[in-house]
Structures are given as structure tokens and as C-alpha cells.
Amino acid sequence: MPNKKSFKKSFKLLIASLIVAGGVAVTGYNRSDFVHWIDSDGDCQDTRTEVLIRDADGPITLDSKGCNVLSGIWIDPYTGETFTNPKDIDIDHLVPLKNAFESGADKWTKDQRKYYANYLGNNYHLLAVKASENRKKGAKGPEQYLPPKEDYQCEYVKLWSKVKNEWKLSVTSYELQIIKLTCEK
């Protein structure tokens, strides 16, 4: 675990690399333009299933074909609650599709949007979380939503910033202010 001084330094470098934009209204968002829950590797497990398997905090049970998760144990990072039924879990795009669209993905091709919507290249872009909490979050950024589990809020905005940085998505000045303040607590 990094010490407080190295965390602050790496966090400052991360937020300094974010693209701050003026919050110009972007229209034309359509969720269907971000095709998601595809089976990109042809193993019969779509992106949702792959995240459920990856994020499981205990043994999982798959159907007889090995394509779908029937049960398991998941601890929601946003609430700290434990779940055993995958129907109680949503797969959250840490930076929601609409937010990504309004932050620069409006200029992406349909293939780039599909890649973003199904990205499994790290363990934080997509997260298994409590379904009702994900719906409460919706398309909100950290200036409107922070997870109720207070000891996860700084980690949340750090990961939010990483996704924004990795995908060259902009933040508003208010969004950046909230990101900074959240980790100063």
C-alpha cells in the first residue's frame, strides 16, 4: 500500500493530466450507439458475465454450458453490501456512457463506443455493483453522485479520473473541484 505522501503525489499527477473543458452542452446521445454486453472472445460469456466472474468475492456457479453466472458472492464497492444473486447486480460503467459521450465520446466512431462499453482491460472500468445503487448513480458524475460508502469515495474519484484520463475524456472545472475535495477529506 502506498504511503500518504506518494498517494498525494500520484493523485496530483493524475488530476493534472485531466482535460478540463468548458462544459459545452452536447446533444445526440443514444445509449444504443454504445453496443454493450458482447462476447468479444467467442467463449459464450458476454462482457456482463466476464465482469461477474472477475469481480466475484467467492465461488461462482455457472450454467451447464458455462455461459452464464447463476450464483456467487459479490461485495458492492459502493455500498459494502454482499450479494449472492447476479440479478441483484448491475455492471456499472464507472464513467457512464452518457457522461463519456458528453465528455468527448460524441466524436468517436461506433466501434470506439462499443469498445469503451465492453472494455475489460483493467478491473475498474466496469464494476459489479448493487443494481439499485447503479440506477441511483445513472449518468451522474462525482459532482452529483458519490458512493454512500464514505471510505470508498476517494478511491472512486481516483478511478473516475483514471478512466477519464485513459480515454481522453474531459472534465468540467466543477467536476475537477469535487474530485480534488473528495480526496482531501
N, C-alpha and C. Protein backbone atom coordinates (compact mmCIF):
# COMPACT_ATOMS: atom_id res chain seq x y z
N MET A 1 0.85 -1.19 0.00
CA MET A 1 0.00 0.00 0.00
C MET A 1 0.89 1.24 0.00
N PRO A 2 0.64 2.16 -0.93
CA PRO A 2 1.48 3.36 -0.98
C PRO A 2 1.25 4.24 0.25
N ASN A 3 2.30 4.96 0.65
CA ASN A 3 2.13 5.85 1.78
C ASN A 3 1.36 7.10 1.34
N LYS A 4 0.94 7.88 2.34
CA LYS A 4 0.10 9.05 2.07
C LYS A 4 0.79 10.06 1.15
N LYS A 5 2.10 10.25 1.34
CA LYS A 5 2.85 11.21 0.53
C LYS A 5 2.90 10.77 -0.93
N SER A 6 3.19 9.48 -1.19
CA SER A 6 3.26 9.01 -2.58
C SER A 6 1.87 8.99 -3.22
N PHE A 7 0.81 8.71 -2.41
CA PHE A 7 -0.55 8.76 -2.95
C PHE A 7 -0.87 10.17 -3.41
N LYS A 8 -0.57 11.15 -2.55
CA LYS A 8 -0.87 12.55 -2.90
C LYS A 8 -0.14 12.97 -4.16
N LYS A 9 1.11 12.56 -4.28
CA LYS A 9 1.90 12.93 -5.46
C LYS A 9 1.31 12.29 -6.72
N SER A 10 1.01 10.98 -6.67
CA SER A 10 0.47 10.32 -7.85
C SER A 10 -0.93 10.85 -8.18
N PHE A 11 -1.72 11.17 -7.15
CA PHE A 11 -3.05 11.72 -7.38
C PHE A 11 -2.95 13.11 -8.02
N LYS A 12 -2.02 13.92 -7.55
CA LYS A 12 -1.83 15.25 -8.15
C LYS A 12 -1.41 15.14 -9.61
N LEU A 13 -0.53 14.20 -9.91
CA LEU A 13 -0.11 13.99 -11.30
C LEU A 13 -1.28 13.55 -12.16
N LEU A 14 -2.11 12.65 -11.62
CA LEU A 14 -3.28 12.16 -12.35
C LEU A 14 -4.24 13.30 -12.65
N ILE A 15 -4.61 14.07 -11.65
CA ILE A 15 -5.59 15.12 -11.92
C ILE A 15 -5.01 16.26 -12.75
N ALA A 16 -3.70 16.45 -12.69
CA ALA A 16 -3.07 17.47 -13.54
C ALA A 16 -3.12 17.08 -15.01
N SER A 17 -3.25 15.77 -15.28
CA SER A 17 -3.28 15.31 -16.67
C SER A 17 -4.68 15.31 -17.27
N LEU A 18 -5.69 15.62 -16.46
CA LEU A 18 -7.06 15.63 -16.97
C LEU A 18 -7.29 16.81 -17.90
N ILE A 19 -8.15 16.61 -18.87
CA ILE A 19 -8.52 17.66 -19.83
C ILE A 19 -9.72 18.39 -19.26
N VAL A 20 -9.57 19.67 -18.98
CA VAL A 20 -10.68 20.46 -18.45
C VAL A 20 -11.32 21.20 -19.62
N ALA A 21 -12.63 21.01 -19.76
CA ALA A 21 -13.37 21.65 -20.84
C ALA A 21 -14.47 22.52 -20.25
N GLY A 22 -15.01 23.38 -21.06
CA GLY A 22 -15.97 24.37 -20.60
C GLY A 22 -17.38 23.90 -20.35
N GLY A 23 -17.65 22.62 -20.44
CA GLY A 23 -19.00 22.15 -20.16
C GLY A 23 -20.00 22.56 -21.21
N VAL A 24 -19.59 22.60 -22.48
CA VAL A 24 -20.48 22.93 -23.58
C VAL A 24 -21.50 21.80 -23.74
N ALA A 25 -22.77 22.15 -23.85
CA ALA A 25 -23.82 21.15 -23.98
C ALA A 25 -23.63 20.33 -25.26
N VAL A 26 -23.64 19.00 -25.09
CA VAL A 26 -23.52 18.09 -26.23
C VAL A 26 -24.84 17.34 -26.33
N THR A 27 -25.42 17.34 -27.52
CA THR A 27 -26.69 16.64 -27.72
C THR A 27 -26.48 15.45 -28.65
N GLY A 28 -27.47 14.61 -28.72
CA GLY A 28 -27.44 13.48 -29.65
C GLY A 28 -27.09 12.14 -29.02
N TYR A 29 -26.98 12.10 -27.67
CA TYR A 29 -26.66 10.84 -27.01
C TYR A 29 -27.76 9.82 -27.25
N ASN A 30 -27.35 8.60 -27.61
CA ASN A 30 -28.26 7.47 -27.76
C ASN A 30 -27.55 6.25 -27.20
N ARG A 31 -28.07 5.70 -26.13
CA ARG A 31 -27.44 4.56 -25.47
C ARG A 31 -27.15 3.42 -26.43
N SER A 32 -28.00 3.22 -27.41
CA SER A 32 -27.81 2.12 -28.36
C SER A 32 -26.59 2.32 -29.25
N ASP A 33 -26.03 3.51 -29.27
CA ASP A 33 -24.79 3.76 -30.02
C ASP A 33 -23.57 3.16 -29.32
N PHE A 34 -23.75 2.74 -28.05
CA PHE A 34 -22.70 2.08 -27.27
C PHE A 34 -23.10 0.61 -27.10
N VAL A 35 -22.97 -0.16 -28.16
CA VAL A 35 -23.37 -1.57 -28.11
C VAL A 35 -22.59 -2.25 -26.99
N HIS A 36 -23.32 -2.88 -26.07
CA HIS A 36 -22.62 -3.49 -24.94
C HIS A 36 -23.18 -4.86 -24.59
N TRP A 37 -22.37 -5.52 -23.78
CA TRP A 37 -22.54 -6.91 -23.34
C TRP A 37 -22.44 -7.85 -24.54
N ILE A 38 -21.30 -7.72 -25.19
CA ILE A 38 -20.96 -8.57 -26.33
C ILE A 38 -20.03 -9.69 -25.86
N ASP A 39 -19.91 -10.70 -26.67
CA ASP A 39 -18.98 -11.81 -26.41
C ASP A 39 -17.79 -11.63 -27.35
N SER A 40 -16.87 -10.77 -26.97
CA SER A 40 -15.78 -10.41 -27.88
C SER A 40 -14.78 -11.52 -28.12
N ASP A 41 -14.64 -12.47 -27.19
CA ASP A 41 -13.65 -13.54 -27.38
C ASP A 41 -14.28 -14.88 -27.80
N GLY A 42 -15.58 -14.89 -28.04
CA GLY A 42 -16.26 -16.07 -28.57
C GLY A 42 -16.33 -17.26 -27.62
N ASP A 43 -16.25 -17.01 -26.31
CA ASP A 43 -16.28 -18.12 -25.36
C ASP A 43 -17.67 -18.34 -24.75
N CYS A 44 -18.69 -17.68 -25.27
CA CYS A 44 -20.10 -17.72 -24.87
C CYS A 44 -20.38 -16.87 -23.63
N GLN A 45 -19.37 -16.24 -23.07
CA GLN A 45 -19.57 -15.36 -21.92
C GLN A 45 -19.49 -13.91 -22.40
N ASP A 46 -20.62 -13.19 -22.26
CA ASP A 46 -20.61 -11.79 -22.67
C ASP A 46 -19.88 -10.94 -21.63
N THR A 47 -19.75 -9.67 -21.91
CA THR A 47 -19.00 -8.77 -21.03
C THR A 47 -19.56 -8.77 -19.61
N ARG A 48 -20.88 -8.75 -19.49
CA ARG A 48 -21.51 -8.78 -18.16
C ARG A 48 -21.05 -10.02 -17.38
N THR A 49 -21.09 -11.16 -18.01
CA THR A 49 -20.69 -12.41 -17.36
C THR A 49 -19.21 -12.37 -16.98
N GLU A 50 -18.39 -11.86 -17.88
CA GLU A 50 -16.95 -11.78 -17.60
C GLU A 50 -16.68 -10.92 -16.36
N VAL A 51 -17.42 -9.80 -16.21
CA VAL A 51 -17.22 -8.94 -15.05
C VAL A 51 -17.74 -9.62 -13.78
N LEU A 52 -18.88 -10.30 -13.87
CA LEU A 52 -19.39 -11.03 -12.71
C LEU A 52 -18.38 -12.06 -12.22
N ILE A 53 -17.75 -12.77 -13.14
CA ILE A 53 -16.74 -13.76 -12.78
C ILE A 53 -15.52 -13.07 -12.17
N ARG A 54 -15.03 -12.04 -12.83
CA ARG A 54 -13.84 -11.33 -12.36
C ARG A 54 -14.04 -10.69 -10.99
N ASP A 55 -15.20 -10.09 -10.76
CA ASP A 55 -15.44 -9.35 -9.53
C ASP A 55 -15.99 -10.21 -8.39
N ALA A 56 -16.18 -11.49 -8.61
CA ALA A 56 -16.72 -12.36 -7.55
C ALA A 56 -15.76 -12.39 -6.36
N ASP A 57 -16.34 -12.35 -5.18
CA ASP A 57 -15.57 -12.39 -3.93
C ASP A 57 -15.62 -13.77 -3.30
N GLY A 58 -16.05 -14.74 -4.06
CA GLY A 58 -16.13 -16.13 -3.60
C GLY A 58 -16.47 -17.01 -4.79
N PRO A 59 -16.72 -18.29 -4.55
CA PRO A 59 -17.01 -19.20 -5.65
C PRO A 59 -18.29 -18.80 -6.40
N ILE A 60 -18.29 -19.06 -7.69
CA ILE A 60 -19.46 -18.80 -8.52
C ILE A 60 -19.97 -20.11 -9.09
N THR A 61 -21.23 -20.11 -9.50
CA THR A 61 -21.83 -21.26 -10.18
C THR A 61 -22.25 -20.79 -11.57
N LEU A 62 -21.80 -21.53 -12.59
CA LEU A 62 -22.18 -21.23 -13.97
C LEU A 62 -23.26 -22.19 -14.42
N ASP A 63 -24.00 -21.83 -15.47
CA ASP A 63 -24.97 -22.75 -16.04
C ASP A 63 -24.24 -23.93 -16.67
N SER A 64 -24.99 -24.93 -17.14
CA SER A 64 -24.38 -26.16 -17.65
C SER A 64 -23.48 -25.93 -18.87
N LYS A 65 -23.72 -24.86 -19.62
CA LYS A 65 -22.88 -24.55 -20.78
C LYS A 65 -21.67 -23.69 -20.41
N GLY A 66 -21.65 -23.17 -19.18
CA GLY A 66 -20.56 -22.31 -18.75
C GLY A 66 -20.66 -20.89 -19.28
N CYS A 67 -21.86 -20.50 -19.70
CA CYS A 67 -22.03 -19.19 -20.34
C CYS A 67 -22.57 -18.11 -19.42
N ASN A 68 -23.34 -18.48 -18.43
CA ASN A 68 -24.00 -17.51 -17.57
C ASN A 68 -23.75 -17.83 -16.10
N VAL A 69 -23.63 -16.80 -15.30
CA VAL A 69 -23.45 -16.96 -13.87
C VAL A 69 -24.81 -17.12 -13.22
N LEU A 70 -24.95 -18.19 -12.43
CA LEU A 70 -26.21 -18.45 -11.72
C LEU A 70 -26.17 -17.95 -10.28
N SER A 71 -25.00 -18.01 -9.66
CA SER A 71 -24.87 -17.54 -8.28
C SER A 71 -23.40 -17.28 -7.98
N GLY A 72 -23.18 -16.61 -6.88
CA GLY A 72 -21.83 -16.31 -6.45
C GLY A 72 -21.87 -15.42 -5.23
N ILE A 73 -20.77 -14.80 -4.94
CA ILE A 73 -20.69 -13.83 -3.84
C ILE A 73 -20.01 -12.59 -4.39
N TRP A 74 -20.69 -11.45 -4.21
CA TRP A 74 -20.14 -10.17 -4.63
C TRP A 74 -20.30 -9.16 -3.51
N ILE A 75 -19.27 -8.38 -3.28
CA ILE A 75 -19.35 -7.27 -2.32
C ILE A 75 -19.31 -5.98 -3.14
N ASP A 76 -20.38 -5.24 -3.06
CA ASP A 76 -20.51 -4.00 -3.80
C ASP A 76 -19.55 -2.96 -3.23
N PRO A 77 -18.61 -2.45 -4.04
CA PRO A 77 -17.68 -1.45 -3.51
C PRO A 77 -18.36 -0.13 -3.13
N TYR A 78 -19.51 0.17 -3.74
CA TYR A 78 -20.19 1.43 -3.49
C TYR A 78 -20.91 1.46 -2.14
N THR A 79 -21.47 0.29 -1.74
CA THR A 79 -22.27 0.23 -0.51
C THR A 79 -21.66 -0.67 0.56
N GLY A 80 -20.80 -1.59 0.16
CA GLY A 80 -20.25 -2.57 1.09
C GLY A 80 -21.17 -3.76 1.31
N GLU A 81 -22.32 -3.76 0.65
CA GLU A 81 -23.28 -4.86 0.82
C GLU A 81 -22.82 -6.10 0.05
N THR A 82 -23.23 -7.28 0.54
CA THR A 82 -22.89 -8.55 -0.08
C THR A 82 -24.12 -9.11 -0.80
N PHE A 83 -23.88 -9.67 -1.99
CA PHE A 83 -24.95 -10.24 -2.80
C PHE A 83 -24.57 -11.64 -3.27
N THR A 84 -25.57 -12.49 -3.45
CA THR A 84 -25.35 -13.84 -3.95
C THR A 84 -26.10 -14.11 -5.25
N ASN A 85 -27.06 -13.28 -5.58
CA ASN A 85 -27.85 -13.45 -6.79
C ASN A 85 -27.38 -12.44 -7.84
N PRO A 86 -26.89 -12.92 -8.99
CA PRO A 86 -26.41 -11.97 -10.01
C PRO A 86 -27.50 -11.04 -10.54
N LYS A 87 -28.76 -11.37 -10.33
CA LYS A 87 -29.84 -10.49 -10.76
C LYS A 87 -29.91 -9.22 -9.92
N ASP A 88 -29.27 -9.25 -8.75
CA ASP A 88 -29.23 -8.07 -7.89
C ASP A 88 -28.06 -7.15 -8.23
N ILE A 89 -27.28 -7.54 -9.22
CA ILE A 89 -26.05 -6.84 -9.60
C ILE A 89 -26.22 -6.21 -10.99
N ASP A 90 -25.77 -4.97 -11.11
CA ASP A 90 -25.60 -4.33 -12.42
C ASP A 90 -24.11 -4.23 -12.68
N ILE A 91 -23.76 -4.15 -13.94
CA ILE A 91 -22.37 -3.84 -14.30
C ILE A 91 -22.33 -2.36 -14.61
N ASP A 92 -21.61 -1.64 -13.77
CA ASP A 92 -21.54 -0.19 -13.88
C ASP A 92 -20.37 0.23 -14.75
N HIS A 93 -20.66 1.08 -15.71
CA HIS A 93 -19.59 1.78 -16.43
C HIS A 93 -19.17 2.89 -15.47
N LEU A 94 -17.99 2.79 -14.88
CA LEU A 94 -17.57 3.74 -13.86
C LEU A 94 -17.83 5.17 -14.35
N VAL A 95 -17.35 5.49 -15.52
CA VAL A 95 -17.75 6.74 -16.18
C VAL A 95 -18.88 6.34 -17.12
N PRO A 96 -20.12 6.70 -16.76
CA PRO A 96 -21.28 6.26 -17.52
C PRO A 96 -21.21 6.62 -19.01
N LEU A 97 -21.91 5.85 -19.81
CA LEU A 97 -21.89 6.04 -21.25
C LEU A 97 -22.30 7.46 -21.64
N LYS A 98 -23.36 7.97 -21.03
CA LYS A 98 -23.83 9.33 -21.37
C LYS A 98 -22.78 10.36 -20.97
N ASN A 99 -22.18 10.19 -19.81
CA ASN A 99 -21.15 11.12 -19.36
C ASN A 99 -19.96 11.07 -20.31
N ALA A 100 -19.57 9.87 -20.72
CA ALA A 100 -18.47 9.73 -21.68
C ALA A 100 -18.82 10.45 -22.98
N PHE A 101 -20.04 10.27 -23.45
CA PHE A 101 -20.49 10.92 -24.69
C PHE A 101 -20.36 12.43 -24.57
N GLU A 102 -20.81 12.97 -23.43
CA GLU A 102 -20.79 14.42 -23.22
C GLU A 102 -19.38 14.95 -22.95
N SER A 103 -18.43 14.03 -22.73
CA SER A 103 -17.04 14.41 -22.40
C SER A 103 -16.06 14.17 -23.53
N GLY A 104 -16.57 13.78 -24.69
CA GLY A 104 -15.68 13.56 -25.83
C GLY A 104 -16.02 12.38 -26.71
N ALA A 105 -16.77 11.41 -26.18
CA ALA A 105 -17.10 10.22 -26.97
C ALA A 105 -18.11 10.51 -28.07
N ASP A 106 -18.66 11.72 -28.06
CA ASP A 106 -19.54 12.12 -29.16
C ASP A 106 -18.79 12.16 -30.49
N LYS A 107 -17.46 12.28 -30.40
CA LYS A 107 -16.62 12.34 -31.61
C LYS A 107 -16.09 10.96 -32.02
N TRP A 108 -16.38 9.94 -31.24
CA TRP A 108 -15.89 8.59 -31.53
C TRP A 108 -16.73 7.88 -32.58
N THR A 109 -16.13 6.88 -33.21
CA THR A 109 -16.87 6.01 -34.13
C THR A 109 -17.72 5.03 -33.33
N LYS A 110 -18.63 4.38 -33.99
CA LYS A 110 -19.47 3.37 -33.34
C LYS A 110 -18.61 2.24 -32.77
N ASP A 111 -17.56 1.84 -33.48
CA ASP A 111 -16.66 0.80 -32.98
C ASP A 111 -15.92 1.24 -31.73
N GLN A 112 -15.48 2.49 -31.68
CA GLN A 112 -14.80 3.00 -30.48
C GLN A 112 -15.76 3.01 -29.29
N ARG A 113 -17.02 3.36 -29.53
CA ARG A 113 -18.02 3.36 -28.45
C ARG A 113 -18.29 1.95 -27.96
N LYS A 114 -18.37 1.00 -28.88
CA LYS A 114 -18.58 -0.40 -28.49
C LYS A 114 -17.40 -0.91 -27.67
N TYR A 115 -16.21 -0.54 -28.06
CA TYR A 115 -15.00 -0.95 -27.34
C TYR A 115 -15.03 -0.38 -25.92
N TYR A 116 -15.38 0.89 -25.79
CA TYR A 116 -15.50 1.53 -24.48
C TYR A 116 -16.55 0.82 -23.61
N ALA A 117 -17.69 0.54 -24.19
CA ALA A 117 -18.81 -0.06 -23.45
C ALA A 117 -18.51 -1.46 -22.95
N ASN A 118 -17.53 -2.15 -23.54
CA ASN A 118 -17.22 -3.53 -23.19
C ASN A 118 -15.78 -3.71 -22.72
N TYR A 119 -15.11 -2.64 -22.37
CA TYR A 119 -13.68 -2.68 -22.07
C TYR A 119 -13.36 -3.48 -20.81
N LEU A 120 -12.51 -4.49 -20.98
CA LEU A 120 -12.10 -5.36 -19.87
C LEU A 120 -10.59 -5.27 -19.62
N GLY A 121 -9.95 -4.22 -20.08
CA GLY A 121 -8.51 -4.09 -19.97
C GLY A 121 -7.98 -3.74 -18.59
N ASN A 122 -8.87 -3.46 -17.65
CA ASN A 122 -8.47 -3.24 -16.26
C ASN A 122 -9.62 -3.70 -15.37
N ASN A 123 -9.46 -3.60 -14.07
CA ASN A 123 -10.50 -4.11 -13.17
C ASN A 123 -11.37 -3.00 -12.57
N TYR A 124 -11.38 -1.81 -13.19
CA TYR A 124 -12.18 -0.71 -12.64
C TYR A 124 -13.04 0.01 -13.67
N HIS A 125 -12.84 -0.19 -14.93
CA HIS A 125 -13.65 0.47 -15.95
C HIS A 125 -15.12 0.03 -15.83
N LEU A 126 -15.30 -1.27 -15.64
CA LEU A 126 -16.61 -1.87 -15.41
C LEU A 126 -16.58 -2.54 -14.04
N LEU A 127 -17.63 -2.32 -13.23
CA LEU A 127 -17.67 -2.88 -11.88
C LEU A 127 -19.01 -3.54 -11.61
N ALA A 128 -18.98 -4.67 -10.89
CA ALA A 128 -20.20 -5.32 -10.42
C ALA A 128 -20.66 -4.60 -9.16
N VAL A 129 -21.83 -3.95 -9.25
CA VAL A 129 -22.35 -3.17 -8.12
C VAL A 129 -23.83 -3.46 -7.91
N LYS A 130 -24.33 -3.06 -6.75
CA LYS A 130 -25.74 -3.21 -6.42
C LYS A 130 -26.58 -2.52 -7.50
N ALA A 131 -27.55 -3.24 -8.05
CA ALA A 131 -28.34 -2.72 -9.17
C ALA A 131 -29.01 -1.39 -8.83
N SER A 132 -29.66 -1.32 -7.69
CA SER A 132 -30.38 -0.08 -7.35
C SER A 132 -29.43 1.09 -7.13
N GLU A 133 -28.21 0.82 -6.65
CA GLU A 133 -27.23 1.90 -6.47
C GLU A 133 -26.74 2.41 -7.82
N ASN A 134 -26.53 1.48 -8.76
CA ASN A 134 -26.11 1.87 -10.11
C ASN A 134 -27.18 2.74 -10.76
N ARG A 135 -28.43 2.40 -10.55
CA ARG A 135 -29.51 3.18 -11.15
C ARG A 135 -29.66 4.53 -10.47
N LYS A 136 -29.35 4.59 -9.18
CA LYS A 136 -29.34 5.88 -8.47
C LYS A 136 -28.24 6.77 -9.05
N LYS A 137 -27.10 6.18 -9.35
CA LYS A 137 -25.98 6.93 -9.94
C LYS A 137 -26.35 7.43 -11.34
N GLY A 138 -26.94 6.55 -12.14
CA GLY A 138 -27.31 6.93 -13.50
C GLY A 138 -26.12 7.43 -14.30
N ALA A 139 -26.27 8.58 -14.94
CA ALA A 139 -25.20 9.17 -15.76
C ALA A 139 -24.46 10.27 -15.01
N LYS A 140 -24.65 10.35 -13.70
CA LYS A 140 -24.07 11.43 -12.91
C LYS A 140 -22.56 11.29 -12.75
N GLY A 141 -21.92 12.44 -12.68
CA GLY A 141 -20.50 12.50 -12.35
C GLY A 141 -20.33 12.68 -10.86
N PRO A 142 -19.09 12.73 -10.38
CA PRO A 142 -18.85 12.85 -8.93
C PRO A 142 -19.36 14.15 -8.32
N GLU A 143 -19.65 15.14 -9.14
CA GLU A 143 -20.21 16.38 -8.62
C GLU A 143 -21.68 16.21 -8.22
N GLN A 144 -22.30 15.10 -8.67
CA GLN A 144 -23.71 14.82 -8.34
C GLN A 144 -23.89 13.49 -7.62
N TYR A 145 -22.89 12.61 -7.70
CA TYR A 145 -23.01 11.30 -7.06
C TYR A 145 -21.65 10.84 -6.54
N LEU A 146 -21.64 10.41 -5.29
CA LEU A 146 -20.51 9.69 -4.72
C LEU A 146 -21.08 8.46 -4.03
N PRO A 147 -20.36 7.36 -4.05
CA PRO A 147 -20.87 6.15 -3.38
C PRO A 147 -21.18 6.42 -1.91
N PRO A 148 -22.23 5.79 -1.38
CA PRO A 148 -22.57 6.01 0.02
C PRO A 148 -21.51 5.48 1.00
N LYS A 149 -20.69 4.54 0.58
CA LYS A 149 -19.63 4.02 1.44
C LYS A 149 -18.50 5.06 1.44
N GLU A 150 -18.45 5.85 2.50
CA GLU A 150 -17.55 7.00 2.54
C GLU A 150 -16.08 6.65 2.37
N ASP A 151 -15.65 5.50 2.90
CA ASP A 151 -14.22 5.17 2.79
C ASP A 151 -13.85 4.69 1.38
N TYR A 152 -14.81 4.65 0.47
CA TYR A 152 -14.52 4.30 -0.93
C TYR A 152 -14.57 5.54 -1.84
N GLN A 153 -15.05 6.65 -1.34
CA GLN A 153 -15.26 7.83 -2.19
C GLN A 153 -13.99 8.35 -2.84
N CYS A 154 -12.90 8.42 -2.11
CA CYS A 154 -11.64 8.89 -2.69
C CYS A 154 -11.17 7.91 -3.78
N GLU A 155 -11.24 6.62 -3.49
CA GLU A 155 -10.86 5.62 -4.50
C GLU A 155 -11.73 5.76 -5.74
N TYR A 156 -13.02 6.00 -5.55
CA TYR A 156 -13.96 6.16 -6.65
C TYR A 156 -13.55 7.31 -7.57
N VAL A 157 -13.27 8.49 -6.99
CA VAL A 157 -12.90 9.63 -7.83
C VAL A 157 -11.52 9.44 -8.45
N LYS A 158 -10.65 8.72 -7.76
CA LYS A 158 -9.34 8.41 -8.35
C LYS A 158 -9.52 7.53 -9.59
N LEU A 159 -10.34 6.49 -9.46
CA LEU A 159 -10.60 5.60 -10.61
C LEU A 159 -11.36 6.34 -11.71
N TRP A 160 -12.30 7.20 -11.33
CA TRP A 160 -13.03 8.04 -12.28
C TRP A 160 -12.03 8.85 -13.10
N SER A 161 -11.08 9.46 -12.40
CA SER A 161 -10.06 10.29 -13.06
C SER A 161 -9.19 9.45 -13.98
N LYS A 162 -8.87 8.23 -13.57
CA LYS A 162 -8.06 7.34 -14.42
C LYS A 162 -8.80 7.02 -15.72
N VAL A 163 -10.09 6.69 -15.60
CA VAL A 163 -10.87 6.38 -16.81
C VAL A 163 -10.93 7.61 -17.71
N LYS A 164 -11.23 8.76 -17.13
CA LYS A 164 -11.30 9.99 -17.94
C LYS A 164 -9.96 10.24 -18.64
N ASN A 165 -8.86 10.06 -17.93
CA ASN A 165 -7.54 10.29 -18.49
C ASN A 165 -7.21 9.26 -19.57
N GLU A 166 -7.43 8.00 -19.29
CA GLU A 166 -7.08 6.93 -20.25
C GLU A 166 -7.84 7.06 -21.56
N TRP A 167 -9.07 7.54 -21.50
CA TRP A 167 -9.90 7.64 -22.69
C TRP A 167 -9.92 9.06 -23.26
N LYS A 168 -9.11 9.96 -22.70
CA LYS A 168 -9.02 11.35 -23.17
C LYS A 168 -10.38 12.04 -23.13
N LEU A 169 -11.13 11.76 -22.06
CA LEU A 169 -12.42 12.40 -21.84
C LEU A 169 -12.22 13.61 -20.94
N SER A 170 -12.96 14.66 -21.20
CA SER A 170 -12.79 15.89 -20.44
C SER A 170 -13.56 15.85 -19.13
N VAL A 171 -13.18 16.76 -18.24
CA VAL A 171 -13.91 17.01 -17.00
C VAL A 171 -14.28 18.49 -17.00
N THR A 172 -15.34 18.82 -16.29
CA THR A 172 -15.66 20.23 -16.11
C THR A 172 -14.83 20.75 -14.94
N SER A 173 -14.73 22.05 -14.83
CA SER A 173 -13.96 22.61 -13.71
C SER A 173 -14.62 22.26 -12.37
N TYR A 174 -15.95 22.21 -12.33
CA TYR A 174 -16.65 21.84 -11.09
C TYR A 174 -16.40 20.36 -10.76
N GLU A 175 -16.44 19.51 -11.76
CA GLU A 175 -16.15 18.09 -11.58
C GLU A 175 -14.74 17.91 -11.00
N LEU A 176 -13.78 18.63 -11.56
CA LEU A 176 -12.41 18.56 -11.08
C LEU A 176 -12.30 19.05 -9.63
N GLN A 177 -13.02 20.09 -9.30
CA GLN A 177 -13.02 20.62 -7.94
C GLN A 177 -13.54 19.57 -6.95
N ILE A 178 -14.60 18.88 -7.30
CA ILE A 178 -15.17 17.84 -6.44
C ILE A 178 -14.21 16.66 -6.30
N ILE A 179 -13.56 16.29 -7.40
CA ILE A 179 -12.57 15.20 -7.36
C ILE A 179 -11.48 15.54 -6.35
N LYS A 180 -10.95 16.76 -6.43
CA LYS A 180 -9.89 17.18 -5.50
C LYS A 180 -10.38 17.19 -4.07
N LEU A 181 -11.53 17.77 -3.83
CA LEU A 181 -12.07 17.89 -2.48
C LEU A 181 -12.38 16.54 -1.85
N THR A 182 -12.83 15.59 -2.66
CA THR A 182 -13.20 14.28 -2.14
C THR A 182 -12.02 13.57 -1.51
N CYS A 183 -10.84 13.73 -2.05
CA CYS A 183 -9.66 13.06 -1.51
C CYS A 183 -8.95 13.88 -0.47
N GLU A 184 -9.42 15.08 -0.18
CA GLU A 184 -8.82 15.90 0.87
C GLU A 184 -9.44 15.61 2.23
N LYS A 185 -10.58 14.91 2.23
CA LYS A 185 -11.30 14.63 3.48
C LYS A 185 -10.43 13.88 4.46
